[in-house]
Amino acid sequence: MTGLRGYGKVLRHETRQSRGARPIEEAMPRLAACLISLAMLGGCGGKSPPDYAAPEAHRLEGDVGRCWEAVLRVLAERGYEIERADRESGIIETRWRVVNAEYSSSVFVTQGEDRYSDCGKPGLGKTFQGKQARFVVRLAPVGDQKTDAAAQAAFRTERVGGFSSPANFQECRSRGRLEDEVLIETQVRMLTGRLQRLRQQGR
């Protein structure tokens, strides 16, 4: 009898252990599904920006040499540093610079938006902060006193947050307006300089 009682105690002890382990085993698939759902949720709500028409080239009144100098001055006045200026190929490239420090966007709220670029929407749990831009300008002579000028601005925003990783950059789409402004300013500067030269010649 004593042996049977001892056996019964051991059996009840093992049964309690197995009953305690069963909920943990049952909970594991639910926990895994929950983690997968959270990871998927982190990517939800994101929206890519739409495609915009590429900015059109401008035909500027003036020789390519004066256009070159005018573009450099306009970019410098706007705060861009030149990374590459290849006079032979007619290409000017700038470095990245902050153009909109006030911009921020989440899946629900966007603040400080501007009319120059579109970054879309980040996924849930992530935010976009600030905007940077850089320029590539190409100049080509057309006759003695005309120059074709094409400008392309690239935009990006810093993407912060999420379950994964450190901050990185998200490409934004240009609306083409900043490029037009720079080339119009270049043309105005050239015409103003030409008017000043004509006045000096008339003295």
Protein backbone atom coordinates (compact mmCIF):
# COMPACT_ATOMS: atom_id res chain seq x y z
CA MET A 1 0.00 0.00 0.00
CA THR A 2 2.81 2.35 0.85
CA GLY A 3 4.34 1.70 -2.52
CA LEU A 4 1.05 2.44 -4.27
CA ARG A 5 0.64 5.69 -2.38
CA GLY A 6 4.17 6.72 -3.36
CA TYR A 7 3.47 5.83 -6.97
CA GLY A 8 0.25 7.88 -6.84
CA LYS A 9 2.09 10.89 -5.51
CA VAL A 10 4.68 10.69 -8.28
CA LEU A 11 1.94 10.31 -10.88
CA ARG A 12 0.03 13.35 -9.59
CA HIS A 13 3.27 15.40 -9.52
CA GLU A 14 4.08 14.50 -13.15
CA THR A 15 0.49 15.27 -14.19
CA ARG A 16 0.69 18.74 -12.63
CA GLN A 17 4.01 19.36 -14.43
CA SER A 18 2.59 18.29 -17.77
CA ARG A 19 -0.51 20.44 -17.24
CA GLY A 20 1.72 23.43 -16.43
CA ALA A 21 3.81 22.93 -19.57
CA ARG A 22 0.85 22.55 -21.89
CA PRO A 23 -0.34 26.22 -21.79
CA ILE A 24 3.20 27.40 -22.64
CA GLU A 25 3.36 25.06 -25.61
CA GLU A 26 -0.06 26.19 -26.75
CA ALA A 27 0.87 29.85 -26.33
CA MET A 28 4.00 29.67 -28.51
CA PRO A 29 2.18 29.62 -31.89
CA ARG A 30 -0.01 32.53 -30.74
CA LEU A 31 3.04 34.50 -29.65
CA ALA A 32 4.76 33.87 -32.98
CA ALA A 33 1.64 34.94 -34.89
CA CYS A 34 1.43 38.09 -32.75
CA LEU A 35 5.07 39.00 -33.47
CA ILE A 36 4.54 38.44 -37.21
CA SER A 37 1.44 40.62 -37.13
CA LEU A 38 3.31 43.41 -35.34
CA ALA A 39 6.12 43.27 -37.89
CA MET A 40 3.62 43.45 -40.74
CA LEU A 41 1.77 46.27 -39.01
CA GLY A 42 5.00 48.27 -38.90
CA GLY A 43 4.95 48.40 -42.70
CA CYS A 44 1.25 49.24 -43.00
CA GLY A 45 0.00 52.68 -43.88
CA GLY A 46 2.96 53.57 -46.08
CA LYS A 47 2.28 55.29 -49.37
CA SER A 48 4.69 55.90 -52.23
CA PRO A 49 4.60 59.35 -53.88
CA PRO A 50 3.06 59.58 -57.36
CA ASP A 51 5.08 60.10 -60.52
CA TYR A 52 5.45 63.67 -61.73
CA ALA A 53 6.37 64.90 -65.18
CA ALA A 54 10.07 65.55 -65.66
CA PRO A 55 10.92 69.27 -65.65
CA GLU A 56 11.28 70.76 -69.11
CA ALA A 57 14.50 72.27 -70.42
CA HIS A 58 14.64 76.06 -70.78
CA ARG A 59 16.18 77.93 -73.68
CA LEU A 60 18.07 80.84 -72.17
CA GLU A 61 18.98 84.06 -73.95
CA GLY A 62 22.74 84.31 -73.73
CA ASP A 63 25.91 82.44 -74.55
CA VAL A 64 26.84 79.35 -72.60
CA GLY A 65 29.68 81.07 -70.74
CA ARG A 66 27.42 83.68 -69.17
CA CYS A 67 24.77 81.04 -68.46
CA TRP A 68 27.39 78.97 -66.68
CA GLU A 69 28.39 81.82 -64.40
CA ALA A 70 24.77 82.79 -63.78
CA VAL A 71 23.78 79.25 -62.74
CA LEU A 72 26.70 79.06 -60.33
CA ARG A 73 25.72 82.35 -58.73
CA VAL A 74 22.04 81.43 -58.41
CA LEU A 75 22.86 78.07 -56.80
CA ALA A 76 25.33 79.72 -54.41
CA GLU A 77 22.73 82.32 -53.39
CA ARG A 78 20.34 79.48 -52.57
CA GLY A 79 22.95 77.88 -50.33
CA TYR A 80 24.11 74.99 -52.52
CA GLU A 81 27.75 73.92 -52.49
CA ILE A 82 29.19 72.78 -55.81
CA GLU A 83 30.44 69.19 -55.85
CA ARG A 84 31.31 69.01 -59.53
CA ALA A 85 31.57 71.63 -62.25
CA ASP A 86 32.72 70.22 -65.59
CA ARG A 87 32.80 73.12 -68.02
CA GLU A 88 33.67 70.89 -70.98
CA SER A 89 30.60 68.66 -70.58
CA GLY A 90 28.42 71.53 -69.31
CA ILE A 91 27.42 69.71 -66.10
CA ILE A 92 27.11 71.27 -62.64
CA GLU A 93 26.32 69.09 -59.62
CA THR A 94 25.73 70.23 -56.05
CA ARG A 95 25.96 68.54 -52.67
CA TRP A 96 22.96 67.71 -50.53
CA ARG A 97 21.62 70.54 -48.40
CA VAL A 98 18.65 70.89 -46.04
CA VAL A 99 15.86 72.74 -47.84
CA ASN A 100 12.99 72.15 -45.41
CA ALA A 101 13.92 71.46 -41.78
CA GLU A 102 10.29 71.95 -40.65
CA TYR A 103 8.91 69.00 -42.59
CA SER A 104 7.73 65.96 -40.66
CA SER A 105 5.27 63.24 -41.57
CA SER A 106 3.72 60.18 -39.97
CA VAL A 107 1.05 57.84 -41.29
CA PHE A 108 -1.57 60.16 -39.72
CA VAL A 109 -0.18 63.74 -39.71
CA THR A 110 2.06 65.79 -42.02
CA GLN A 111 3.51 69.16 -41.00
CA GLY A 112 5.64 71.71 -42.81
CA GLU A 113 4.90 70.36 -46.29
CA ASP A 114 6.21 72.33 -49.28
CA ARG A 115 5.34 72.57 -52.95
CA TYR A 116 8.65 71.32 -54.33
CA SER A 117 8.64 67.58 -53.61
CA ASP A 118 6.43 64.70 -52.50
CA CYS A 119 7.73 62.04 -50.11
CA GLY A 120 4.54 60.00 -49.78
CA LYS A 121 3.70 58.55 -46.36
CA PRO A 122 5.83 56.42 -44.00
CA GLY A 123 4.59 53.15 -42.58
CA LEU A 124 2.99 52.84 -39.16
CA GLY A 125 5.49 53.48 -36.39
CA LYS A 126 7.85 55.44 -38.66
CA THR A 127 8.25 59.14 -39.39
CA PHE A 128 9.83 61.31 -42.08
CA GLN A 129 11.85 64.25 -40.78
CA GLY A 130 13.25 67.16 -42.80
CA LYS A 131 13.97 67.38 -46.53
CA GLN A 132 17.25 67.64 -48.41
CA ALA A 133 17.88 68.45 -52.06
CA ARG A 134 20.68 68.44 -54.58
CA PHE A 135 20.90 69.72 -58.17
CA VAL A 136 22.25 68.56 -61.49
CA VAL A 137 22.25 71.25 -64.21
CA ARG A 138 23.24 70.63 -67.84
CA LEU A 139 24.03 73.45 -70.26
CA ALA A 140 24.42 73.14 -74.03
CA PRO A 141 25.07 76.01 -76.48
CA VAL A 142 22.55 76.63 -79.26
CA GLY A 143 24.14 79.12 -81.61
CA ASP A 144 26.11 82.09 -80.33
CA GLN A 145 23.57 83.70 -78.00
CA LYS A 146 21.29 80.91 -76.88
CA THR A 147 21.78 78.09 -74.40
CA ASP A 148 19.63 75.10 -73.54
CA ALA A 149 19.52 74.50 -69.79
CA ALA A 150 18.10 71.41 -68.09
CA ALA A 151 17.90 71.17 -64.30
CA GLN A 152 17.02 68.16 -62.17
CA ALA A 153 16.56 68.32 -58.40
CA ALA A 154 16.72 65.19 -56.26
CA PHE A 155 15.00 65.14 -52.87
CA ARG A 156 15.21 62.89 -49.84
CA THR A 157 13.89 62.75 -46.28
CA GLU A 158 15.20 61.00 -43.18
CA ARG A 159 13.15 57.95 -42.20
CA VAL A 160 13.14 57.32 -38.45
CA GLY A 161 11.65 54.59 -36.26
CA GLY A 162 10.10 51.23 -36.86
CA PHE A 163 10.99 47.91 -35.32
CA SER A 164 14.03 47.38 -37.43
CA SER A 165 16.73 49.77 -37.77
CA PRO A 166 18.56 53.00 -37.46
CA ALA A 167 17.53 56.10 -39.41
CA ASN A 168 18.03 56.10 -43.16
CA PHE A 169 16.89 58.13 -46.15
CA GLN A 170 13.75 57.85 -48.22
CA GLU A 171 13.77 59.17 -51.79
CA CYS A 172 11.12 61.81 -52.60
CA ARG A 173 9.73 62.85 -55.98
CA SER A 174 10.37 66.28 -57.42
CA ARG A 175 7.36 68.26 -58.58
CA GLY A 176 9.57 70.21 -61.03
CA ARG A 177 8.90 73.61 -59.46
CA LEU A 178 12.29 74.17 -57.84
CA GLU A 179 14.03 73.45 -61.14
CA ASP A 180 11.85 76.01 -62.93
CA GLU A 181 12.57 78.63 -60.28
CA VAL A 182 16.33 78.19 -60.55
CA LEU A 183 16.34 78.42 -64.34
CA ILE A 184 14.01 81.45 -64.36
CA GLU A 185 16.26 83.17 -61.83
CA THR A 186 19.23 82.34 -64.05
CA GLN A 187 17.52 83.94 -67.07
CA VAL A 188 16.56 87.05 -65.08
CA ARG A 189 20.13 87.41 -63.85
CA MET A 190 21.47 87.13 -67.37
CA LEU A 191 19.00 89.69 -68.74
CA THR A 192 19.78 92.05 -65.87
CA GLY A 193 23.50 91.73 -66.55
CA ARG A 194 22.92 92.32 -70.25
CA LEU A 195 20.88 95.45 -69.50
CA GLN A 196 23.64 96.76 -67.26
CA ARG A 197 26.22 96.18 -69.99
CA LEU A 198 24.07 98.02 -72.55
CA ARG A 199 23.71 100.94 -70.18
CA GLN A 200 27.44 101.07 -69.64
CA GLN A 201 28.03 101.01 -73.39
CA GLY A 202 25.58 103.88 -73.88
CA ARG A 203 27.44 106.22 -71.54
